[in-house]
PDB file of N, CA and C in Angstrom:
ATOM      1  N   MET A   1     -96.630   2.172  56.432  1.00  0.00           N
ATOM      2  CA  MET A   1     -95.687   1.747  55.219  1.00  0.00           C
ATOM      3  C   MET A   1     -95.685   0.177  54.554  1.00  0.00           C
ATOM      4  N   MET A   2     -95.928   0.729  53.359  1.00  0.00           N
ATOM      5  CA  MET A   2     -95.974  -0.681  52.082  1.00  0.00           C
ATOM      6  C   MET A   2     -94.413  -1.532  52.255  1.00  0.00           C
ATOM      7  N   LYS A   3     -94.393  -2.734  52.371  1.00  0.00           N
ATOM      8  CA  LYS A   3     -93.447  -3.475  51.893  1.00  0.00           C
ATOM      9  C   LYS A   3     -93.253  -3.762  49.900  1.00  0.00           C
ATOM     10  N   ILE A   4     -92.062  -4.072  49.968  1.00  0.00           N
ATOM     11  CA  ILE A   4     -92.215  -3.943  48.341  1.00  0.00           C
ATOM     12  C   ILE A   4     -92.804  -5.017  47.952  1.00  0.00           C
ATOM     13  N   LYS A   5     -92.788  -6.523  48.685  1.00  0.00           N
ATOM     14  CA  LYS A   5     -93.060  -7.636  48.510  1.00  0.00           C
ATOM     15  C   LYS A   5     -94.880  -7.571  48.189  1.00  0.00           C
ATOM     16  N   GLU A   6     -95.244  -6.826  49.122  1.00  0.00           N
ATOM     17  CA  GLU A   6     -96.748  -6.477  49.181  1.00  0.00           C
ATOM     18  C   GLU A   6     -97.125  -5.949  47.803  1.00  0.00           C
ATOM     19  N   ILE A   7     -96.266  -4.778  47.617  1.00  0.00           N
ATOM     20  CA  ILE A   7     -96.410  -4.098  46.032  1.00  0.00           C
ATOM     21  C   ILE A   7     -96.087  -4.921  45.117  1.00  0.00           C
ATOM     22  N   ARG A   8     -95.070  -5.457  45.092  1.00  0.00           N
ATOM     23  CA  ARG A   8     -95.043  -6.424  43.405  1.00  0.00           C
ATOM     24  C   ARG A   8     -96.258  -7.652  43.613  1.00  0.00           C
ATOM     25  N   SER A   9     -96.951  -7.841  44.332  1.00  0.00           N
ATOM     26  CA  SER A   9     -98.069  -9.110  44.818  1.00  0.00           C
ATOM     27  C   SER A   9     -99.399  -8.449  44.075  1.00  0.00           C
ATOM     28  N   LEU A  10     -99.242  -7.122  43.927  1.00  0.00           N
ATOM     29  CA  LEU A  10    -100.524  -6.526  43.337  1.00  0.00           C
ATOM     30  C   LEU A  10    -100.347  -6.908  41.966  1.00  0.00           C
ATOM     31  N   THR A  11    -101.904  -6.696  40.880  1.00  0.00           N
ATOM     32  CA  THR A  11    -101.966  -6.310  39.647  1.00  0.00           C
ATOM     33  C   THR A  11    -101.633  -5.001  39.377  1.00  0.00           C
ATOM     34  N   THR A  12    -101.238  -4.713  37.970  1.00  0.00           N
ATOM     35  CA  THR A  12    -101.089  -3.434  37.381  1.00  0.00           C
ATOM     36  C   THR A  12    -102.131  -2.252  37.716  1.00  0.00           C
ATOM     37  N   LYS A  13    -103.145  -3.206  37.760  1.00  0.00           N
ATOM     38  CA  LYS A  13    -104.674  -2.388  37.878  1.00  0.00           C
ATOM     39  C   LYS A  13    -104.825  -2.146  39.115  1.00  0.00           C
ATOM     40  N   GLU A  14    -104.591  -3.040  39.981  1.00  0.00           N
ATOM     41  CA  GLU A  14    -104.514  -2.586  41.531  1.00  0.00           C
ATOM     42  C   GLU A  14    -103.464  -1.729  42.252  1.00  0.00           C
ATOM     43  N   LEU A  15    -102.181  -1.824  41.418  1.00  0.00           N
ATOM     44  CA  LEU A  15    -101.473  -0.650  41.541  1.00  0.00           C
ATOM     45  C   LEU A  15    -101.808   0.623  41.202  1.00  0.00           C
ATOM     46  N   LYS A  16    -102.270   0.756  39.958  1.00  0.00           N
ATOM     47  CA  LYS A  16    -102.577   1.833  39.595  1.00  0.00           C
ATOM     48  C   LYS A  16    -103.671   2.764  40.327  1.00  0.00           C
ATOM     49  N   ALA A  17    -104.765   1.847  41.249  1.00  0.00           N
ATOM     50  CA  ALA A  17    -105.863   2.332  41.884  1.00  0.00           C
ATOM     51  C   ALA A  17    -105.289   2.474  43.056  1.00  0.00           C
ATOM     52  N   LYS A  18    -103.974   1.739  43.590  1.00  0.00           N
ATOM     53  CA  LYS A  18    -103.542   2.289  45.155  1.00  0.00           C
ATOM     54  C   LYS A  18    -102.748   3.304  44.470  1.00  0.00           C
ATOM     55  N   LEU A  19    -102.132   3.692  43.491  1.00  0.00           N
ATOM     56  CA  LEU A  19    -101.374   4.794  43.491  1.00  0.00           C
ATOM     57  C   LEU A  19    -102.559   6.480  43.421  1.00  0.00           C
ATOM     58  N   ASN A  20    -103.688   6.016  42.909  1.00  0.00           N
ATOM     59  CA  ASN A  20    -104.733   6.959  42.883  1.00  0.00           C
ATOM     60  C   ASN A  20    -105.162   7.294  44.557  1.00  0.00           C
ATOM     61  N   ASP A  21    -105.512   6.511  44.961  1.00  0.00           N
ATOM     62  CA  ASP A  21    -105.591   6.414  46.713  1.00  0.00           C
ATOM     63  C   ASP A  21    -104.617   7.320  47.400  1.00  0.00           C
ATOM     64  N   LEU A  22    -103.270   6.784  46.856  1.00  0.00           N
ATOM     65  CA  LEU A  22    -102.276   7.350  47.863  1.00  0.00           C
ATOM     66  C   LEU A  22    -101.950   8.995  47.439  1.00  0.00           C
ATOM     67  N   THR A  23    -102.216   9.053  45.916  1.00  0.00           N
ATOM     68  CA  THR A  23    -102.300  10.419  45.543  1.00  0.00           C
ATOM     69  C   THR A  23    -103.521  11.755  46.645  1.00  0.00           C
ATOM     70  N   THR A  24    -104.769  10.985  46.758  1.00  0.00           N
ATOM     71  CA  THR A  24    -105.790  11.525  47.575  1.00  0.00           C
ATOM     72  C   THR A  24    -105.096  11.824  48.787  1.00  0.00           C
ATOM     73  N   GLU A  25    -104.668  10.611  49.234  1.00  0.00           N
ATOM     74  CA  GLU A  25    -104.188  10.472  50.588  1.00  0.00           C
ATOM     75  C   GLU A  25    -103.212  11.926  51.147  1.00  0.00           C
ATOM     76  N   LEU A  26    -102.151  11.883  50.028  1.00  0.00           N
ATOM     77  CA  LEU A  26    -101.162  12.937  50.427  1.00  0.00           C
ATOM     78  C   LEU A  26    -101.868  14.668  50.318  1.00  0.00           C
ATOM     79  N   PHE A  27    -102.613  14.332  48.906  1.00  0.00           N
ATOM     80  CA  PHE A  27    -103.464  15.861  48.904  1.00  0.00           C
ATOM     81  C   PHE A  27    -104.011  16.302  50.253  1.00  0.00           C
ATOM     82  N   ASN A  28    -104.771  15.224  50.991  1.00  0.00           N
ATOM     83  CA  ASN A  28    -105.560  15.608  52.155  1.00  0.00           C
ATOM     84  C   ASN A  28    -104.460  15.735  53.314  1.00  0.00           C
ATOM     85  N   LEU A  29    -103.691  15.326  53.682  1.00  0.00           N
ATOM     86  CA  LEU A  29    -102.254  15.237  54.473  1.00  0.00           C
ATOM     87  C   LEU A  29    -101.816  16.734  54.248  1.00  0.00           C
ATOM     88  N   ARG A  30    -101.366  17.078  53.058  1.00  0.00           N
ATOM     89  CA  ARG A  30    -101.014  18.223  53.032  1.00  0.00           C
ATOM     90  C   ARG A  30    -102.073  19.369  53.158  1.00  0.00           C
ATOM     91  N   PHE A  31    -103.147  19.163  52.920  1.00  0.00           N
ATOM     92  CA  PHE A  31    -104.052  20.132  53.309  1.00  0.00           C
ATOM     93  C   PHE A  31    -104.439  20.393  54.795  1.00  0.00           C
ATOM     94  N   SER A  32    -104.096  19.202  55.490  1.00  0.00           N
ATOM     95  CA  SER A  32    -104.264  19.020  57.244  1.00  0.00           C
ATOM     96  C   SER A  32    -103.094  19.751  57.655  1.00  0.00           C
ATOM     97  N   HIS A  33    -101.787  19.732  57.039  1.00  0.00           N
ATOM     98  CA  HIS A  33    -100.492  20.298  57.395  1.00  0.00           C
ATOM     99  C   HIS A  33    -100.716  21.593  57.094  1.00  0.00           C
ATOM    100  N   ALA A  34    -101.133  22.355  56.246  1.00  0.00           N
ATOM    101  CA  ALA A  34    -101.504  23.700  55.862  1.00  0.00           C
ATOM    102  C   ALA A  34    -102.325  24.501  57.030  1.00  0.00           C
ATOM    103  N   THR A  35    -103.094  23.824  57.273  1.00  0.00           N
ATOM    104  CA  THR A  35    -104.269  24.274  58.297  1.00  0.00           C
ATOM    105  C   THR A  35    -104.021  24.102  59.742  1.00  0.00           C
ATOM    106  N   GLY A  36    -102.535  22.938  60.168  1.00  0.00           N
ATOM    107  CA  GLY A  36    -102.121  23.317  61.257  1.00  0.00           C
ATOM    108  C   GLY A  36    -102.911  21.874  61.727  1.00  0.00           C
ATOM    109  N   ASN A  37    -103.529  21.049  61.477  1.00  0.00           N
ATOM    110  CA  ASN A  37    -104.395  19.795  62.032  1.00  0.00           C
ATOM    111  C   ASN A  37    -103.711  18.340  61.730  1.00  0.00           C
ATOM    112  N   LEU A  38    -102.579  18.568  61.526  1.00  0.00           N
ATOM    113  CA  LEU A  38    -101.704  17.463  61.309  1.00  0.00           C
ATOM    114  C   LEU A  38    -100.706  17.122  62.381  1.00  0.00           C
ATOM    115  N   PRO A  39    -101.180  15.794  63.114  1.00  0.00           N
ATOM    116  CA  PRO A  39    -100.507  15.382  64.369  1.00  0.00           C
ATOM    117  C   PRO A  39     -99.175  14.903  64.173  1.00  0.00           C
ATOM    118  N   ASN A  40     -99.078  14.278  63.226  1.00  0.00           N
ATOM    119  CA  ASN A  40     -97.917  13.557  63.031  1.00  0.00           C
ATOM    120  C   ASN A  40     -97.282  13.990  61.729  1.00  0.00           C
ATOM    121  N   ASN A  41     -96.309  14.436  61.416  1.00  0.00           N
ATOM    122  CA  ASN A  41     -95.620  15.196  59.975  1.00  0.00           C
ATOM    123  C   ASN A  41     -95.225  13.723  59.243  1.00  0.00           C
ATOM    124  N   MET A  42     -94.774  12.970  60.039  1.00  0.00           N
ATOM    125  CA  MET A  42     -94.260  11.554  59.654  1.00  0.00           C
ATOM    126  C   MET A  42     -95.069  11.119  58.500  1.00  0.00           C
ATOM    127  N   GLN A  43     -96.150  11.120  58.632  1.00  0.00           N
ATOM    128  CA  GLN A  43     -97.390  10.774  57.765  1.00  0.00           C
ATOM    129  C   GLN A  43     -96.960  11.234  56.022  1.00  0.00           C
ATOM    130  N   LEU A  44     -96.789  12.478  55.911  1.00  0.00           N
ATOM    131  CA  LEU A  44     -96.275  12.920  54.815  1.00  0.00           C
ATOM    132  C   LEU A  44     -95.158  12.056  54.355  1.00  0.00           C
ATOM    133  N   HIS A  45     -94.222  11.816  54.979  1.00  0.00           N
ATOM    134  CA  HIS A  45     -92.879  11.114  54.456  1.00  0.00           C
ATOM    135  C   HIS A  45     -93.448  10.061  53.867  1.00  0.00           C
ATOM    136  N   VAL A  46     -93.920   8.916  54.631  1.00  0.00           N
ATOM    137  CA  VAL A  46     -94.760   7.650  54.212  1.00  0.00           C
ATOM    138  C   VAL A  46     -95.194   7.366  53.142  1.00  0.00           C
ATOM    139  N   VAL A  47     -96.489   8.365  53.010  1.00  0.00           N
ATOM    140  CA  VAL A  47     -97.218   8.494  51.862  1.00  0.00           C
ATOM    141  C   VAL A  47     -96.342   8.797  50.563  1.00  0.00           C
ATOM    142  N   LYS A  48     -95.468   9.601  50.600  1.00  0.00           N
ATOM    143  CA  LYS A  48     -94.235  10.068  49.571  1.00  0.00           C
ATOM    144  C   LYS A  48     -93.317   8.719  49.119  1.00  0.00           C
ATOM    145  N   LYS A  49     -93.080   7.998  49.880  1.00  0.00           N
ATOM    146  CA  LYS A  49     -92.330   6.978  49.766  1.00  0.00           C
ATOM    147  C   LYS A  49     -93.208   5.561  49.385  1.00  0.00           C
ATOM    148  N   ASP A  50     -94.365   5.599  49.883  1.00  0.00           N
ATOM    149  CA  ASP A  50     -95.271   4.528  48.831  1.00  0.00           C
ATOM    150  C   ASP A  50     -95.321   4.859  47.817  1.00  0.00           C
ATOM    151  N   ILE A  51     -95.710   6.239  47.608  1.00  0.00           N
ATOM    152  CA  ILE A  51     -95.797   6.339  46.004  1.00  0.00           C
ATOM    153  C   ILE A  51     -94.764   6.201  45.247  1.00  0.00           C
ATOM    154  N   ALA A  52     -93.575   6.291  45.288  1.00  0.00           N
ATOM    155  CA  ALA A  52     -92.556   6.398  45.269  1.00  0.00           C
ATOM    156  C   ALA A  52     -92.329   5.159  44.639  1.00  0.00           C
ATOM    157  N   LYS A  53     -92.611   4.227  45.421  1.00  0.00           N
ATOM    158  CA  LYS A  53     -92.458   2.574  45.636  1.00  0.00           C
ATOM    159  C   LYS A  53     -93.420   1.821  44.268  1.00  0.00           C
ATOM    160  N   VAL A  54     -94.654   2.554  44.581  1.00  0.00           N
ATOM    161  CA  VAL A  54     -95.836   1.849  43.237  1.00  0.00           C
ATOM    162  C   VAL A  54     -95.348   2.741  42.085  1.00  0.00           C
ATOM    163  N   LYS A  55     -94.718   3.711  41.928  1.00  0.00           N
ATOM    164  CA  LYS A  55     -94.457   4.261  40.605  1.00  0.00           C
ATOM    165  C   LYS A  55     -93.414   3.724  39.928  1.00  0.00           C
ATOM    166  N   THR A  56     -92.619   3.300  41.170  1.00  0.00           N
ATOM    167  CA  THR A  56     -91.353   2.456  40.406  1.00  0.00           C
ATOM    168  C   THR A  56     -91.480   1.326  39.896  1.00  0.00           C
ATOM    169  N   ILE A  57     -92.508   0.276  40.685  1.00  0.00           N
ATOM    170  CA  ILE A  57     -92.987  -0.891  40.365  1.00  0.00           C
ATOM    171  C   ILE A  57     -93.750  -0.893  38.872  1.00  0.00           C
ATOM    172  N   LEU A  58     -94.531   0.157  38.993  1.00  0.00           N
ATOM    173  CA  LEU A  58     -95.253   0.372  37.608  1.00  0.00           C
ATOM    174  C   LEU A  58     -93.917   0.577  36.387  1.00  0.00           C
ATOM    175  N   ARG A  59     -93.506   1.261  36.407  1.00  0.00           N
ATOM    176  CA  ARG A  59     -92.238   1.495  35.444  1.00  0.00           C
ATOM    177  C   ARG A  59     -91.541   0.371  35.450  1.00  0.00           C
ATOM    178  N   GLU A  60     -91.165  -0.589  36.409  1.00  0.00           N
ATOM    179  CA  GLU A  60     -90.360  -1.636  36.038  1.00  0.00           C
ATOM    180  C   GLU A  60     -91.297  -2.641  34.895  1.00  0.00           C
ATOM    181  N   ARG A  61     -92.499  -2.554  35.282  1.00  0.00           N
ATOM    182  CA  ARG A  61     -93.388  -3.364  34.483  1.00  0.00           C
ATOM    183  C   ARG A  61     -93.462  -3.070  33.107  1.00  0.00           C
ATOM    184  N   GLU A  62     -93.667  -1.853  32.919  1.00  0.00           N
ATOM    185  CA  GLU A  62     -93.584  -1.169  31.711  1.00  0.00           C
ATOM    186  C   GLU A  62     -92.437  -1.349  30.905  1.00  0.00           C
ATOM    187  N   LEU A  63     -91.099  -1.320  31.570  1.00  0.00           N
ATOM    188  CA  LEU A  63     -89.956  -1.655  30.771  1.00  0.00           C
ATOM    189  C   LEU A  63     -89.804  -3.209  30.360  1.00  0.00           C
ATOM    190  N   LYS A  64     -90.433  -4.035  31.199  1.00  0.00           N
ATOM    191  CA  LYS A  64     -90.264  -5.279  31.046  1.00  0.00           C
ATOM    192  C   LYS A  64     -91.202  -5.597  29.999  1.00  0.00           C
ATOM    193  N   GLU A  65     -92.551  -5.204  30.016  1.00  0.00           N
ATOM    194  CA  GLU A  65     -93.385  -5.476  28.780  1.00  0.00           C
ATOM    195  C   GLU A  65     -93.137  -4.785  27.712  1.00  0.00           C
ATOM    196  N   GLY A  66     -92.191  -3.906  27.588  1.00  0.00           N
ATOM    197  CA  GLY A  66     -91.963  -2.948  26.357  1.00  0.00           C
ATOM    198  C   GLY A  66     -93.174  -2.063  25.941  1.00  0.00           C
ATOM    199  N   VAL A  67     -94.003  -1.981  26.954  1.00  0.00           N
ATOM    200  CA  VAL A  67     -95.196  -1.357  26.059  1.00  0.00           C
ATOM    201  C   VAL A  67     -95.426  -0.165  27.076  1.00  0.00           C
ATOM    202  N   GLU A  68     -95.580   1.065  26.636  1.00  0.00           N
ATOM    203  CA  GLU A  68     -95.915   2.547  27.695  1.00  0.00           C
ATOM    204  C   GLU A  68     -97.385   2.231  28.004  1.00  0.00           C
ATOM    205  N   VAL A  69     -97.415   2.292  29.399  1.00  0.00           N
ATOM    206  CA  VAL A  69     -99.093   1.995  29.625  1.00  0.00           C
ATOM    207  C   VAL A  69     -99.367   3.328  30.108  1.00  0.00           C
TER     208      VAL A  69
END
């Protein structure tokens, strides 16, 4: 699980890349879960929370800059 301080220290470009990676990871976890190969279901929860944190920080930056990204 990522800490908010870690996320805030990343640049916007890095955050977008991280969001892309997390989305891919979530897809793979969902696929594993559907096939019954996911040993720890909490991984889904953790990745969803990390995605929400990254999206929140990106949105805060958009509002602060006053520009839609």
